[in-house]
Protein backbone atom coordinates (compact mmCIF):
# COMPACT_ATOMS: atom_id res chain seq x y z
CA MET A 1 38.88 6.45 -28.23
CA THR A 2 37.93 9.34 -25.98
CA PHE A 3 39.35 9.88 -22.60
CA ALA A 4 35.66 9.45 -21.13
CA SER A 5 35.36 5.88 -22.87
CA VAL A 6 38.87 4.98 -21.63
CA HIS A 7 37.93 5.82 -18.05
CA GLN A 8 34.68 4.01 -18.42
CA ALA A 9 36.45 1.09 -19.67
CA CYS A 10 38.94 1.27 -16.72
CA ARG A 11 36.01 1.48 -14.46
CA VAL A 12 34.51 -2.00 -15.66
CA ASP A 13 37.72 -3.63 -15.52
CA VAL A 14 38.20 -2.75 -12.09
CA ALA A 15 34.62 -3.56 -11.26
CA GLY A 16 35.20 -6.95 -12.86
CA GLU A 17 38.12 -7.76 -11.00
CA ALA A 18 36.72 -6.87 -7.82
CA VAL A 19 33.57 -9.37 -8.31
CA ALA A 20 36.19 -11.80 -9.50
CA GLY A 21 37.99 -11.23 -6.22
CA VAL A 22 35.00 -11.83 -4.27
CA ILE A 23 33.86 -14.91 -5.84
CA ALA A 24 37.26 -16.59 -5.73
CA ALA A 25 37.81 -15.82 -2.13
CA TYR A 26 34.52 -17.28 -0.86
CA ALA A 27 35.49 -20.45 0.63
CA PRO A 28 33.47 -21.36 4.04
CA ARG A 29 34.64 -23.98 6.39
CA SER A 30 31.08 -24.92 6.99
CA MET A 31 30.51 -26.80 3.89
CA SER A 32 32.51 -29.09 1.45
CA ALA A 33 35.06 -28.13 -0.89
CA GLU A 34 32.76 -29.39 -3.92
CA ALA A 35 29.57 -27.48 -2.44
CA ALA A 36 31.72 -24.20 -2.18
CA ALA A 37 32.98 -24.73 -5.68
CA LEU A 38 29.78 -25.10 -7.40
CA ALA A 39 28.49 -21.85 -5.56
CA ARG A 40 31.26 -20.29 -7.13
CA GLU A 41 31.12 -21.68 -10.33
CA LEU A 42 27.33 -20.57 -10.72
CA VAL A 43 27.91 -17.03 -9.49
CA VAL A 44 30.66 -16.63 -12.10
CA ALA A 45 28.32 -17.70 -15.00
CA ALA A 46 25.38 -15.20 -13.31
CA ALA A 47 28.12 -12.38 -13.90
CA PRO A 48 26.99 -10.13 -11.18
CA GLY A 49 27.55 -6.43 -11.58
CA SER A 50 28.73 -5.40 -8.42
CA PRO A 51 31.11 -6.96 -5.60
CA ALA A 52 28.30 -6.57 -3.15
CA ARG A 53 25.89 -8.44 -5.22
CA ALA A 54 28.38 -11.36 -6.06
CA LYS A 55 28.64 -11.72 -2.25
CA ALA A 56 25.16 -12.11 -1.80
CA LEU A 57 24.79 -14.55 -4.79
CA VAL A 58 27.65 -16.73 -3.56
CA PHE A 59 26.29 -16.74 -0.15
CA ALA A 60 22.81 -17.70 -0.87
CA CYS A 61 24.10 -20.56 -3.43
CA SER A 62 26.56 -21.81 -0.97
CA ARG A 63 23.91 -22.29 1.52
CA LEU A 64 21.51 -24.22 -0.96
CA ALA A 65 24.39 -26.16 -1.84
CA GLY A 66 25.26 -27.13 1.63
CA PHE A 67 21.50 -27.86 2.17
CA ALA A 68 21.07 -29.98 -0.88
CA GLU A 69 24.30 -32.11 0.15
CA GLY A 70 22.97 -32.61 3.87
CA VAL A 71 19.61 -33.95 2.10
CA GLY A 72 21.49 -36.33 -0.32
CA LEU A 73 20.62 -34.14 -3.52
CA GLU A 74 23.12 -34.01 -6.55
CA LEU A 75 25.16 -30.96 -6.61
CA ARG A 76 24.09 -29.96 -10.14
CA ALA A 77 22.66 -26.60 -11.10
CA GLU A 78 19.40 -27.98 -12.63
CA VAL A 79 18.70 -29.74 -9.74
CA LEU A 80 19.59 -26.93 -6.91
CA LEU A 81 17.91 -24.18 -8.63
CA SER A 82 14.99 -25.92 -9.24
CA GLU A 83 11.85 -24.06 -7.94
CA ALA A 84 10.99 -26.87 -5.84
CA VAL A 85 14.23 -27.25 -4.17
CA ILE A 86 14.79 -23.45 -3.47
CA GLU A 87 11.25 -23.38 -1.66
CA ARG A 88 12.07 -26.90 0.20
CA PHE A 89 15.36 -24.83 1.40
CA VAL A 90 13.57 -21.87 2.17
CA LEU A 91 11.02 -23.61 4.47
CA VAL A 92 13.27 -26.39 5.93
CA GLY A 93 16.74 -25.37 5.63
CA CYS A 94 16.69 -21.67 7.14
CA ASP A 95 15.98 -22.61 10.64
CA GLY A 96 17.16 -19.93 13.27
CA LEU A 97 16.97 -17.00 10.41
CA ALA A 98 14.84 -14.22 10.40
CA PRO A 99 11.69 -14.01 7.88
CA ALA A 100 13.50 -11.15 6.15
CA SER A 101 16.47 -13.19 5.59
CA ARG A 102 14.60 -16.17 4.35
CA ARG A 103 12.97 -13.75 1.72
CA THR A 104 16.04 -12.30 0.70
CA LEU A 105 17.69 -15.94 0.13
CA ARG A 106 14.65 -16.93 -1.82
CA THR A 107 14.94 -13.73 -4.05
CA ASN A 108 18.45 -14.00 -4.89
CA LEU A 109 18.26 -17.53 -5.44
CA ARG A 110 15.39 -16.96 -7.80
CA ALA A 111 17.39 -14.43 -9.59
CA LEU A 112 20.33 -16.55 -9.95
CA ALA A 113 18.27 -19.41 -11.52
CA ARG A 114 16.74 -16.93 -14.10
CA SER A 115 19.98 -15.43 -14.87
CA LEU A 116 21.33 -19.15 -15.72
CA GLU A 117 18.52 -20.27 -17.78
CA ARG A 118 19.23 -20.85 -21.52
CA TYR A 119 15.73 -19.63 -22.50
CA PRO A 120 14.41 -17.59 -19.29
CA LEU A 121 10.79 -16.78 -19.21
CA PRO A 122 9.63 -13.38 -19.95
CA ALA A 123 9.64 -11.10 -16.83
CA PRO A 124 6.13 -10.26 -15.74
CA MET A 125 4.72 -7.11 -16.62
CA PRO A 126 4.56 -4.49 -13.62
CA LEU A 127 1.02 -3.60 -12.71
CA PRO A 128 0.40 -0.24 -11.53
CA ARG A 129 -0.02 0.27 -7.81
CA GLU A 130 -2.82 2.15 -6.83
CA ARG A 131 -2.21 5.32 -5.18
CA ALA A 132 -4.32 7.50 -2.71
CA LYS A 133 -5.82 10.21 -4.69
CA ALA A 134 -5.06 13.88 -3.79
CA PRO A 135 -7.08 15.46 -1.31
CA TYR A 136 -8.80 18.71 -1.72
CA SER A 137 -8.03 21.97 0.03
CA PRO A 138 -10.14 23.65 2.60
CA ALA A 139 -10.52 26.43 -0.13
CA ASP A 140 -12.14 23.54 -2.53
CA ILE A 141 -14.45 21.97 0.11
CA ASP A 142 -15.59 25.60 0.89
CA GLY A 143 -16.26 26.00 -2.74
CA TYR A 144 -18.17 22.95 -3.16
CA LEU A 145 -20.23 23.77 -0.14
CA ARG A 146 -20.94 27.05 -1.54
CA LEU A 147 -22.05 25.76 -4.95
CA ALA A 148 -24.40 23.25 -3.03
CA ARG A 149 -25.95 26.21 -1.30
CA ALA A 150 -26.38 27.60 -4.70
CA LEU A 151 -28.46 24.70 -6.60
CA SER A 152 -32.16 25.49 -7.47
CA THR A 153 -34.06 23.51 -5.06
CA ARG A 154 -33.56 22.41 -1.43
CA ARG A 155 -33.93 18.69 -2.07
CA ARG A 156 -30.75 18.94 -4.55
CA ARG A 157 -28.68 21.27 -1.95
CA MET A 158 -29.45 18.99 0.77
CA ARG A 159 -28.19 15.95 -1.35
CA ALA A 160 -25.20 17.68 -2.45
CA THR A 161 -24.37 18.95 1.07
CA ALA A 162 -24.55 15.42 2.32
CA LEU A 163 -22.35 14.14 -0.34
CA ILE A 164 -19.55 16.37 0.45
CA CYS A 165 -20.01 15.87 4.32
CA LEU A 166 -20.10 12.37 4.17
CA GLY A 167 -17.10 12.09 2.01
CA ALA A 168 -14.59 14.84 3.29
CA GLY A 169 -16.13 14.74 6.81
CA ALA A 170 -16.55 10.93 7.55
CA GLY A 171 -14.59 9.15 4.68
CA VAL A 172 -17.66 7.52 3.33
CA ILE A 173 -16.93 6.04 0.07
CA ALA A 174 -19.04 6.16 -3.20
CA GLY A 175 -20.25 2.59 -2.78
CA GLU A 176 -21.27 3.21 0.56
CA LEU A 177 -23.01 6.43 -0.02
CA ARG A 178 -26.14 4.81 -1.53
CA HIS A 179 -26.80 2.83 1.47
CA VAL A 180 -26.91 5.89 3.97
CA ARG A 181 -29.98 7.32 5.26
CA GLY A 182 -31.03 10.52 7.08
CA SER A 183 -31.63 8.18 10.19
CA ASP A 184 -28.42 6.79 10.15
CA VAL A 185 -26.68 10.22 11.32
CA ALA A 186 -27.04 10.73 14.91
CA GLU A 187 -25.62 12.84 17.63
CA ARG A 188 -24.32 10.74 20.43
CA ALA A 189 -21.00 9.96 22.19
CA GLY A 190 -20.37 13.88 22.73
CA GLY A 191 -20.23 14.31 18.70
CA MET A 192 -21.72 12.91 15.73
CA LEU A 193 -21.62 9.64 14.19
CA VAL A 194 -22.74 8.22 10.83
CA MET A 195 -23.46 4.36 10.78
CA VAL A 196 -22.07 3.07 7.52
CA SER A 197 -23.44 -0.41 6.44
CA GLY A 198 -22.16 -2.88 3.82
CA ARG A 199 -18.93 -4.90 4.01
CA ARG A 200 -17.23 -2.74 6.08
CA THR A 201 -20.05 -1.95 8.75
CA ARG A 202 -18.82 0.71 11.36
CA SER A 203 -19.61 4.01 12.99
CA VAL A 204 -17.63 6.99 11.90
CA PRO A 205 -17.22 10.18 14.01
CA VAL A 206 -17.97 13.38 11.72
CA LEU A 207 -15.31 16.11 11.63
CA ALA A 208 -16.58 19.02 13.72
CA GLY A 209 -16.78 21.60 11.09
CA TYR A 210 -19.02 19.40 8.70
CA GLN A 211 -21.61 18.53 11.34
CA PRO A 212 -24.03 21.28 11.37
CA PRO A 213 -24.70 21.08 7.39
CA LEU A 214 -24.61 17.30 7.68
CA LEU A 215 -27.20 17.25 10.44
CA GLU A 216 -29.68 19.53 8.48
CA ALA A 217 -29.43 17.23 5.35
CA ALA A 218 -29.83 14.39 7.53
CA VAL A 219 -32.91 15.67 9.24
CA PHE A 220 -34.22 16.86 5.90
CA ALA A 221 -33.89 13.03 4.43
CA GLY A 222 -35.27 11.29 7.52
CA GLY A 223 -35.70 7.73 6.79
CA ASN A 224 -34.87 8.20 3.32
CA PHE A 225 -31.56 7.87 1.40
CA ILE A 226 -29.52 10.85 2.25
CA VAL A 227 -28.08 11.40 -1.16
CA GLY A 228 -31.27 10.44 -3.20
CA GLY A 229 -32.67 7.53 -4.95
CA ARG A 230 -35.47 4.88 -3.83
CA GLU A 231 -33.23 1.45 -3.95
CA PRO A 232 -30.02 0.88 -2.25
CA GLY A 233 -28.64 -1.10 -4.93
CA ARG A 234 -28.82 1.60 -7.34
CA ARG A 235 -25.41 2.71 -9.09
CA ASN A 236 -23.70 5.90 -9.84
CA ILE A 237 -26.01 7.71 -7.57
CA SER A 238 -23.55 10.50 -6.93
CA ASP A 239 -22.76 10.99 -10.53
CA GLU A 240 -25.35 13.91 -11.32
CA LEU A 241 -24.40 15.47 -8.03
CA CYS A 242 -20.80 15.47 -8.82
CA ARG A 243 -21.39 16.96 -12.11
CA ALA A 244 -23.54 19.82 -10.52
CA LEU A 245 -20.89 20.67 -8.04
CA SER A 246 -18.14 20.61 -10.82
CA ALA A 247 -19.78 23.43 -12.57
CA ASP A 248 -17.33 26.10 -11.45
CA ARG A 249 -14.18 25.95 -13.61
CA SER A 250 -12.01 27.21 -10.91
CA LEU A 251 -12.60 24.02 -8.53
CA PRO A 252 -11.03 20.63 -9.72
CA ARG A 253 -13.85 18.19 -10.57
CA LEU A 254 -15.49 16.71 -7.75
CA GLU A 255 -14.56 12.91 -7.05
CA PRO A 256 -16.03 10.94 -3.97
CA GLY A 257 -12.52 9.23 -3.88
CA ARG A 258 -10.74 12.82 -3.55
CA LEU A 259 -13.20 13.48 -0.74
CA ARG A 260 -12.23 10.37 1.15
CA SER A 261 -8.60 11.26 0.69
CA THR A 262 -9.49 14.57 2.44
CA TRP A 263 -11.03 12.95 5.34
CA LEU A 264 -7.92 10.61 5.54
CA LEU A 265 -5.51 13.52 5.54
CA SER A 266 -7.56 15.53 8.22
CA CYS A 267 -7.59 12.23 10.65
CA ALA A 268 -3.97 11.58 9.79
CA ARG A 269 -2.87 14.98 10.61
CA GLN A 270 -5.36 14.99 13.85
CA ILE A 271 -3.75 11.79 15.36
CA GLY A 272 -0.19 12.65 14.31
CA LEU A 273 0.26 9.81 12.02
CA GLY A 274 3.30 11.43 9.94
CA ALA A 275 5.26 11.96 13.17
CA PHE A 276 4.54 8.42 14.49
CA MET A 277 5.51 6.66 11.18
CA GLN A 278 8.30 8.94 10.89
CA ALA A 279 9.69 8.47 14.24
CA ALA A 280 9.31 4.45 13.45
CA GLY A 281 10.80 4.71 10.18
CA ILE A 282 7.71 3.22 8.44
CA SER A 283 6.95 4.32 4.86
CA CYS A 284 4.20 2.02 4.21
CA SER A 285 1.14 0.93 6.15
CA GLN A 286 1.83 -2.87 5.26
CA ARG A 287 2.49 -3.73 9.03
CA LEU A 288 0.07 -1.36 10.56
CA GLY A 289 -2.87 -3.76 10.22
CA ASP A 290 -1.06 -6.51 12.13
CA LEU A 291 -0.15 -3.99 15.01
CA VAL A 292 -3.69 -2.77 15.07
CA ALA A 293 -5.30 -6.23 15.27
CA GLN A 294 -3.48 -6.57 18.82
CA LEU A 295 -5.50 -3.37 20.06
CA PRO A 296 -8.77 -3.31 21.82
CA ALA A 297 -11.59 -2.02 19.48
CA ALA A 298 -12.03 1.68 20.54
CA THR A 299 -15.40 2.65 21.86
CA GLU A 300 -17.67 5.34 20.03
CA PRO A 301 -16.49 8.05 22.72
CA GLN A 302 -12.92 7.48 22.44
CA MET A 303 -13.33 7.85 18.36
CA VAL A 304 -15.58 10.88 18.79
CA ALA A 305 -12.66 12.45 21.07
CA LEU A 306 -9.91 11.40 18.49
CA LEU A 307 -11.60 12.31 15.17
CA GLY A 308 -14.58 14.45 15.74
CA GLU A 309 -13.11 17.51 16.94
CA SER A 310 -12.00 19.70 14.05
CA VAL A 311 -11.68 19.73 10.36
């Protein structure tokens, strides 16, 4: 046996002793000796890998055992660790605890139940999380606009320009592009707005650098669809334009999703979103929607002033 293997074995023994010590020392006065003993027994059987994990499990299990004892349930593992009892404990027996603490207790109890099952169900396959697409650089956008100006007919030039400006300048996604007419682009509220229809009807300020070429394309389209086609239900209307604007191999392939990411990044930089999230300690936007729901809706002049000034 090598020195490294001996050292590793010693570390495992020390960790095991520490875990056993944490479990054996857990004897809260707020519950019966029987409930505390059952909690210790179940956590020993689960074989937690660290003292911190052992402490978390024995605390959760003892709270559950105390609740079960109070409502007249049998102090047996198959009763306590059933899904129904765990849910009832979380909903009824955790008064006074913060929502985060309730979620932690439920997570730990479910993990304990899984570890003690004789034939545990397979863990669900993790599903890929959709990530934001990479934005284009200013040089990429300049390249696409240059290619758009070089297309063979004015109609194609205007449609391709509108595609770029609506995506990178107003964040209009592919499914919304086919509904936008030239008349939906208007100069008002001190800037330029795009009236987007569909499931998320809204008025979007256009970033200042995209306004002149988009206005030219909108005037050319008039009451017609600005990126082409005759029916609003048509699909993949932007594919041909994207192929035409992907001819230059020095540029990445043009994708409407990446154009929207370009707009999102420009707006986030402009309103100082990164600094706000950093200061607030927020790494995910899950709660931002709840906060925004408490704010009054912004007026068009307010949105133009905030989002329509620069690229």
